[in-house]
PDB file of N, CA and C in Angstrom:
ATOM      1  N   MET A   1       2.505  -1.644 -14.706  1.00  0.00           N
ATOM      2  CA  MET A   1       2.832  -0.222 -14.538  1.00  0.00           C
ATOM      3  C   MET A   1       3.308  -0.014 -13.034  1.00  0.00           C
ATOM      4  N   PRO A   2       4.444   0.465 -12.916  1.00  0.00           N
ATOM      5  CA  PRO A   2       4.899   0.694 -11.490  1.00  0.00           C
ATOM      6  C   PRO A   2       4.200   1.903 -10.955  1.00  0.00           C
ATOM      7  N   TRP A   3       3.865   1.820  -9.758  1.00  0.00           N
ATOM      8  CA  TRP A   3       3.407   3.024  -8.955  1.00  0.00           C
ATOM      9  C   TRP A   3       4.444   3.906  -8.285  1.00  0.00           C
ATOM     10  N   THR A   4       4.068   5.075  -7.983  1.00  0.00           N
ATOM     11  CA  THR A   4       4.967   5.951  -7.372  1.00  0.00           C
ATOM     12  C   THR A   4       4.286   6.617  -6.141  1.00  0.00           C
ATOM     13  N   LYS A   5       4.878   7.561  -5.463  1.00  0.00           N
ATOM     14  CA  LYS A   5       4.363   8.159  -4.174  1.00  0.00           C
ATOM     15  C   LYS A   5       3.232   9.078  -4.746  1.00  0.00           C
ATOM     16  N   LYS A   6       3.310   9.578  -5.973  1.00  0.00           N
ATOM     17  CA  LYS A   6       2.380  10.479  -6.429  1.00  0.00           C
ATOM     18  C   LYS A   6       1.186   9.811  -7.343  1.00  0.00           C
ATOM     19  N   ASP A   7       1.495   8.543  -7.743  1.00  0.00           N
ATOM     20  CA  ASP A   7       0.673   7.828  -8.630  1.00  0.00           C
ATOM     21  C   ASP A   7       0.551   6.452  -8.179  1.00  0.00           C
ATOM     22  N   TYR A   8      -0.583   6.289  -7.406  1.00  0.00           N
ATOM     23  CA  TYR A   8      -0.782   4.954  -6.904  1.00  0.00           C
ATOM     24  C   TYR A   8      -2.303   4.486  -6.897  1.00  0.00           C
ATOM     25  N   PRO A   9      -2.651   3.356  -6.643  1.00  0.00           N
ATOM     26  CA  PRO A   9      -3.953   2.829  -6.730  1.00  0.00           C
ATOM     27  C   PRO A   9      -4.892   3.596  -5.918  1.00  0.00           C
ATOM     28  N   GLN A  10      -6.158   3.837  -6.329  1.00  0.00           N
ATOM     29  CA  GLN A  10      -7.166   4.619  -5.601  1.00  0.00           C
ATOM     30  C   GLN A  10      -7.376   3.862  -4.194  1.00  0.00           C
ATOM     31  N   SER A  11      -7.242   2.657  -4.249  1.00  0.00           N
ATOM     32  CA  SER A  11      -7.514   1.912  -2.863  1.00  0.00           C
ATOM     33  C   SER A  11      -6.575   2.157  -1.793  1.00  0.00           C
ATOM     34  N   MET A  12      -5.508   2.867  -2.188  1.00  0.00           N
ATOM     35  CA  MET A  12      -4.441   3.148  -1.169  1.00  0.00           C
ATOM     36  C   MET A  12      -4.495   4.594  -0.679  1.00  0.00           C
ATOM     37  N   LYS A  13      -5.584   5.406  -1.146  1.00  0.00           N
ATOM     38  CA  LYS A  13      -5.520   6.800  -0.820  1.00  0.00           C
ATOM     39  C   LYS A  13      -5.768   7.115   0.609  1.00  0.00           C
ATOM     40  N   ASN A  14      -6.433   6.186   1.350  1.00  0.00           N
ATOM     41  CA  ASN A  14      -6.692   6.527   2.762  1.00  0.00           C
ATOM     42  C   ASN A  14      -5.607   5.970   3.715  1.00  0.00           C
ATOM     43  N   LEU A  15      -4.618   5.426   3.201  1.00  0.00           N
ATOM     44  CA  LEU A  15      -3.524   4.922   4.048  1.00  0.00           C
ATOM     45  C   LEU A  15      -2.603   6.079   4.451  1.00  0.00           C
ATOM     46  N   MET A  16      -1.999   6.038   5.640  1.00  0.00           N
ATOM     47  CA  MET A  16      -1.080   7.066   5.949  1.00  0.00           C
ATOM     48  C   MET A  16       0.069   6.831   5.158  1.00  0.00           C
ATOM     49  N   ALA A  17       0.886   8.001   4.833  1.00  0.00           N
ATOM     50  CA  ALA A  17       1.989   7.934   3.845  1.00  0.00           C
ATOM     51  C   ALA A  17       3.124   6.854   4.026  1.00  0.00           C
ATOM     52  N   PRO A  18       3.488   6.658   5.231  1.00  0.00           N
ATOM     53  CA  PRO A  18       4.488   5.553   5.470  1.00  0.00           C
ATOM     54  C   PRO A  18       3.960   4.294   5.145  1.00  0.00           C
ATOM     55  N   VAL A  19       2.763   3.890   5.529  1.00  0.00           N
ATOM     56  CA  VAL A  19       2.164   2.677   5.183  1.00  0.00           C
ATOM     57  C   VAL A  19       1.840   2.609   3.689  1.00  0.00           C
ATOM     58  N   ARG A  20       1.380   3.723   3.180  1.00  0.00           N
ATOM     59  CA  ARG A  20       1.162   3.715   1.686  1.00  0.00           C
ATOM     60  C   ARG A  20       2.336   3.481   0.815  1.00  0.00           C
ATOM     61  N   ASN A  21       3.422   4.106   1.258  1.00  0.00           N
ATOM     62  CA  ASN A  21       4.712   3.939   0.554  1.00  0.00           C
ATOM     63  C   ASN A  21       5.203   2.666   0.607  1.00  0.00           C
ATOM     64  N   LYS A  22       4.980   1.949   1.802  1.00  0.00           N
ATOM     65  CA  LYS A  22       5.462   0.474   1.907  1.00  0.00           C
ATOM     66  C   LYS A  22       4.545  -0.402   1.095  1.00  0.00           C
ATOM     67  N   ALA A  23       3.247  -0.163   1.005  1.00  0.00           N
ATOM     68  CA  ALA A  23       2.390  -0.863   0.033  1.00  0.00           C
ATOM     69  C   ALA A  23       2.675  -0.702  -1.426  1.00  0.00           C
ATOM     70  N   ILE A  24       3.145   0.503  -1.749  1.00  0.00           N
ATOM     71  CA  ILE A  24       3.595   0.814  -3.143  1.00  0.00           C
ATOM     72  C   ILE A  24       4.866   0.028  -3.344  1.00  0.00           C
ATOM     73  N   ASP A  25       5.896  -0.004  -2.508  1.00  0.00           N
ATOM     74  CA  ASP A  25       7.079  -0.863  -2.718  1.00  0.00           C
ATOM     75  C   ASP A  25       6.760  -2.296  -2.897  1.00  0.00           C
ATOM     76  N   ILE A  26       5.891  -2.761  -2.080  1.00  0.00           N
ATOM     77  CA  ILE A  26       5.495  -4.191  -2.072  1.00  0.00           C
ATOM     78  C   ILE A  26       4.763  -4.644  -3.284  1.00  0.00           C
ATOM     79  N   ALA A  27       3.803  -3.720  -3.753  1.00  0.00           N
ATOM     80  CA  ALA A  27       2.989  -3.941  -4.850  1.00  0.00           C
ATOM     81  C   ALA A  27       3.909  -3.863  -6.276  1.00  0.00           C
ATOM     82  N   ASN A  28       4.890  -2.981  -6.230  1.00  0.00           N
ATOM     83  CA  ASN A  28       5.780  -2.985  -7.473  1.00  0.00           C
ATOM     84  C   ASN A  28       6.705  -4.224  -7.415  1.00  0.00           C
ATOM     85  N   ALA A  29       7.055  -4.748  -6.227  1.00  0.00           N
ATOM     86  CA  ALA A  29       7.808  -5.977  -6.241  1.00  0.00           C
ATOM     87  C   ALA A  29       7.014  -7.129  -6.719  1.00  0.00           C
ATOM     88  N   LEU A  30       5.787  -7.103  -6.355  1.00  0.00           N
ATOM     89  CA  LEU A  30       4.916  -8.249  -6.729  1.00  0.00           C
ATOM     90  C   LEU A  30       4.579  -8.177  -8.192  1.00  0.00           C
ATOM     91  N   LEU A  31       4.411  -6.921  -8.793  1.00  0.00           N
ATOM     92  CA  LEU A  31       4.254  -6.851 -10.321  1.00  0.00           C
ATOM     93  C   LEU A  31       5.579  -7.426 -10.971  1.00  0.00           C
ATOM     94  N   ASN A  32       6.622  -7.037 -10.335  1.00  0.00           N
ATOM     95  CA  ASN A  32       7.910  -7.509 -11.076  1.00  0.00           C
ATOM     96  C   ASN A  32       8.109  -9.148 -11.043  1.00  0.00           C
ATOM     97  N   GLU A  33       7.326  -9.643 -10.104  1.00  0.00           N
ATOM     98  CA  GLU A  33       7.454 -11.180  -9.951  1.00  0.00           C
ATOM     99  C   GLU A  33       6.306 -11.771 -10.788  1.00  0.00           C
ATOM    100  N   GLY A  34       5.504 -10.937 -11.449  1.00  0.00           N
ATOM    101  CA  GLY A  34       4.493 -11.506 -12.334  1.00  0.00           C
ATOM    102  C   GLY A  34       3.107 -11.605 -11.797  1.00  0.00           C
ATOM    103  N   TYR A  35       2.815 -11.094 -10.644  1.00  0.00           N
ATOM    104  CA  TYR A  35       1.384 -11.100 -10.056  1.00  0.00           C
ATOM    105  C   TYR A  35       0.532 -10.151 -10.790  1.00  0.00           C
ATOM    106  N   GLU A  36      -0.741 -10.415 -11.024  1.00  0.00           N
ATOM    107  CA  GLU A  36      -1.662  -9.554 -11.521  1.00  0.00           C
ATOM    108  C   GLU A  36      -1.786  -8.370 -10.847  1.00  0.00           C
ATOM    109  N   GLU A  37      -2.182  -7.189 -11.382  1.00  0.00           N
ATOM    110  CA  GLU A  37      -2.270  -5.945 -10.741  1.00  0.00           C
ATOM    111  C   GLU A  37      -3.173  -5.884  -9.447  1.00  0.00           C
ATOM    112  N   GLY A  38      -4.391  -6.535  -9.631  1.00  0.00           N
ATOM    113  CA  GLY A  38      -5.400  -6.479  -8.590  1.00  0.00           C
ATOM    114  C   GLY A  38      -4.928  -7.248  -7.381  1.00  0.00           C
ATOM    115  N   ARG A  39      -4.335  -8.456  -7.707  1.00  0.00           N
ATOM    116  CA  ARG A  39      -3.882  -9.325  -6.609  1.00  0.00           C
ATOM    117  C   ARG A  39      -2.662  -8.681  -5.919  1.00  0.00           C
ATOM    118  N   ALA A  40      -1.708  -8.057  -6.798  1.00  0.00           N
ATOM    119  CA  ALA A  40      -0.581  -7.340  -6.022  1.00  0.00           C
ATOM    120  C   ALA A  40      -0.961  -6.216  -5.175  1.00  0.00           C
ATOM    121  N   ILE A  41      -2.024  -5.450  -5.589  1.00  0.00           N
ATOM    122  CA  ILE A  41      -2.622  -4.366  -4.735  1.00  0.00           C
ATOM    123  C   ILE A  41      -3.149  -4.899  -3.398  1.00  0.00           C
ATOM    124  N   ALA A  42      -3.932  -6.051  -3.445  1.00  0.00           N
ATOM    125  CA  ALA A  42      -4.515  -6.612  -2.314  1.00  0.00           C
ATOM    126  C   ALA A  42      -3.400  -7.111  -1.281  1.00  0.00           C
ATOM    127  N   ILE A  43      -2.560  -7.787  -1.895  1.00  0.00           N
ATOM    128  CA  ILE A  43      -1.367  -8.392  -1.048  1.00  0.00           C
ATOM    129  C   ILE A  43      -0.642  -7.278  -0.378  1.00  0.00           C
ATOM    130  N   ALA A  44      -0.254  -6.313  -1.237  1.00  0.00           N
ATOM    131  CA  ALA A  44       0.636  -5.221  -0.699  1.00  0.00           C
ATOM    132  C   ALA A  44      -0.046  -4.455   0.357  1.00  0.00           C
ATOM    133  N   THR A  45      -1.287  -4.203   0.224  1.00  0.00           N
ATOM    134  CA  THR A  45      -2.030  -3.458   1.149  1.00  0.00           C
ATOM    135  C   THR A  45      -2.152  -4.151   2.517  1.00  0.00           C
ATOM    136  N   SER A  46      -2.429  -5.344   2.404  1.00  0.00           N
ATOM    137  CA  SER A  46      -2.518  -6.232   3.685  1.00  0.00           C
ATOM    138  C   SER A  46      -1.161  -6.333   4.295  1.00  0.00           C
ATOM    139  N   LYS A  47      -0.164  -6.586   3.539  1.00  0.00           N
ATOM    140  CA  LYS A  47       1.170  -6.670   4.173  1.00  0.00           C
ATOM    141  C   LYS A  47       1.652  -5.397   4.795  1.00  0.00           C
ATOM    142  N   ALA A  48       1.454  -4.328   4.045  1.00  0.00           N
ATOM    143  CA  ALA A  48       1.824  -2.907   4.471  1.00  0.00           C
ATOM    144  C   ALA A  48       1.064  -2.511   5.844  1.00  0.00           C
ATOM    145  N   GLU A  49      -0.171  -2.857   5.870  1.00  0.00           N
ATOM    146  CA  GLU A  49      -0.962  -2.652   7.111  1.00  0.00           C
ATOM    147  C   GLU A  49      -0.318  -3.527   8.298  1.00  0.00           C
ATOM    148  N   GLU A  50       0.009  -4.681   7.999  1.00  0.00           N
ATOM    149  CA  GLU A  50       0.681  -5.536   8.922  1.00  0.00           C
ATOM    150  C   GLU A  50       2.011  -4.968   9.477  1.00  0.00           C
ATOM    151  N   TRP A  51       2.772  -4.501   8.412  1.00  0.00           N
ATOM    152  CA  TRP A  51       4.163  -3.905   8.747  1.00  0.00           C
ATOM    153  C   TRP A  51       3.867  -2.726   9.689  1.00  0.00           C
ATOM    154  N   GLY A  52       2.872  -1.795   9.258  1.00  0.00           N
ATOM    155  CA  GLY A  52       2.662  -0.635  10.151  1.00  0.00           C
ATOM    156  C   GLY A  52       2.092  -0.921  11.586  1.00  0.00           C
ATOM    157  N   GLU A  53       1.320  -2.004  11.683  1.00  0.00           N
ATOM    158  CA  GLU A  53       0.821  -2.316  13.071  1.00  0.00           C
ATOM    159  C   GLU A  53       1.988  -2.840  13.871  1.00  0.00           C
ATOM    160  N   ASN A  54       2.880  -3.624  13.246  1.00  0.00           N
ATOM    161  CA  ASN A  54       4.063  -4.211  14.039  1.00  0.00           C
ATOM    162  C   ASN A  54       4.870  -3.065  14.495  1.00  0.00           C
ATOM    163  N   ARG A  55       4.867  -1.864  13.829  1.00  0.00           N
ATOM    164  CA  ARG A  55       5.722  -0.737  14.289  1.00  0.00           C
ATOM    165  C   ARG A  55       5.013   0.381  14.945  1.00  0.00           C
ATOM    166  N   GLY A  56       3.763   0.087  15.286  1.00  0.00           N
ATOM    167  CA  GLY A  56       2.924   0.970  16.062  1.00  0.00           C
ATOM    168  C   GLY A  56       2.581   2.264  15.305  1.00  0.00           C
ATOM    169  N   LYS A  57       2.584   2.116  13.900  1.00  0.00           N
ATOM    170  CA  LYS A  57       2.230   3.206  13.210  1.00  0.00           C
ATOM    171  C   LYS A  57       0.658   3.360  12.826  1.00  0.00           C
ATOM    172  N   LYS A  58       0.312   4.725  12.743  1.00  0.00           N
ATOM    173  CA  LYS A  58      -1.114   4.891  12.340  1.00  0.00           C
ATOM    174  C   LYS A  58      -1.331   4.300  10.969  1.00  0.00           C
ATOM    175  N   ILE A  59      -2.296   3.516  10.671  1.00  0.00           N
ATOM    176  CA  ILE A  59      -2.571   2.911   9.458  1.00  0.00           C
ATOM    177  C   ILE A  59      -3.362   3.708   8.288  1.00  0.00           C
ATOM    178  N   ARG A  60      -4.646   4.255   8.866  1.00  0.00           N
ATOM    179  CA  ARG A  60      -5.422   5.015   7.917  1.00  0.00           C
ATOM    180  C   ARG A  60      -5.586   6.438   8.417  1.00  0.00           C
ATOM    181  N   LYS A  61      -5.939   7.272   7.398  1.00  0.00           N
ATOM    182  CA  LYS A  61      -6.296   8.629   7.754  1.00  0.00           C
ATOM    183  C   LYS A  61      -7.571   8.733   8.372  1.00  0.00           C
ATOM    184  N   ASP A  62      -7.855   9.635   9.350  1.00  0.00           N
ATOM    185  CA  ASP A  62      -9.090   9.932   9.980  1.00  0.00           C
ATOM    186  C   ASP A  62     -10.070  10.385   9.070  1.00  0.00           C
ATOM    187  N   LYS A  63     -11.228   9.886   9.058  1.00  0.00           N
ATOM    188  CA  LYS A  63     -12.241  10.423   8.121  1.00  0.00           C
ATOM    189  C   LYS A  63     -12.942  11.569   8.763  1.00  0.00           C
ATOM    190  N   ALA A  64     -13.097  12.775   7.843  1.00  0.00           N
ATOM    191  CA  ALA A  64     -13.755  13.930   8.460  1.00  0.00           C
ATOM    192  C   ALA A  64     -15.246  13.775   8.867  1.00  0.00           C
ATOM    193  N   SER A  65     -15.627  14.239   9.787  1.00  0.00           N
ATOM    194  CA  SER A  65     -16.970  14.003  10.373  1.00  0.00           C
ATOM    195  C   SER A  65     -17.819  15.093  10.089  1.00  0.00           C
TER     196      SER A  65
END
């Protein structure tokens, strides 16, 4: 099942939009390559966080205190 900007895994909800969108793109590509859903999510999240860090982007939303 491909994910979209409006329908994505719960584990990506706290990522900032640019990082989450990158994770969605990566996860969908991994699914197309035959990866299992859980593994695709884990790899995509890790790679998207790395992508964001390399570009000086904020990775996660601040938690309300």
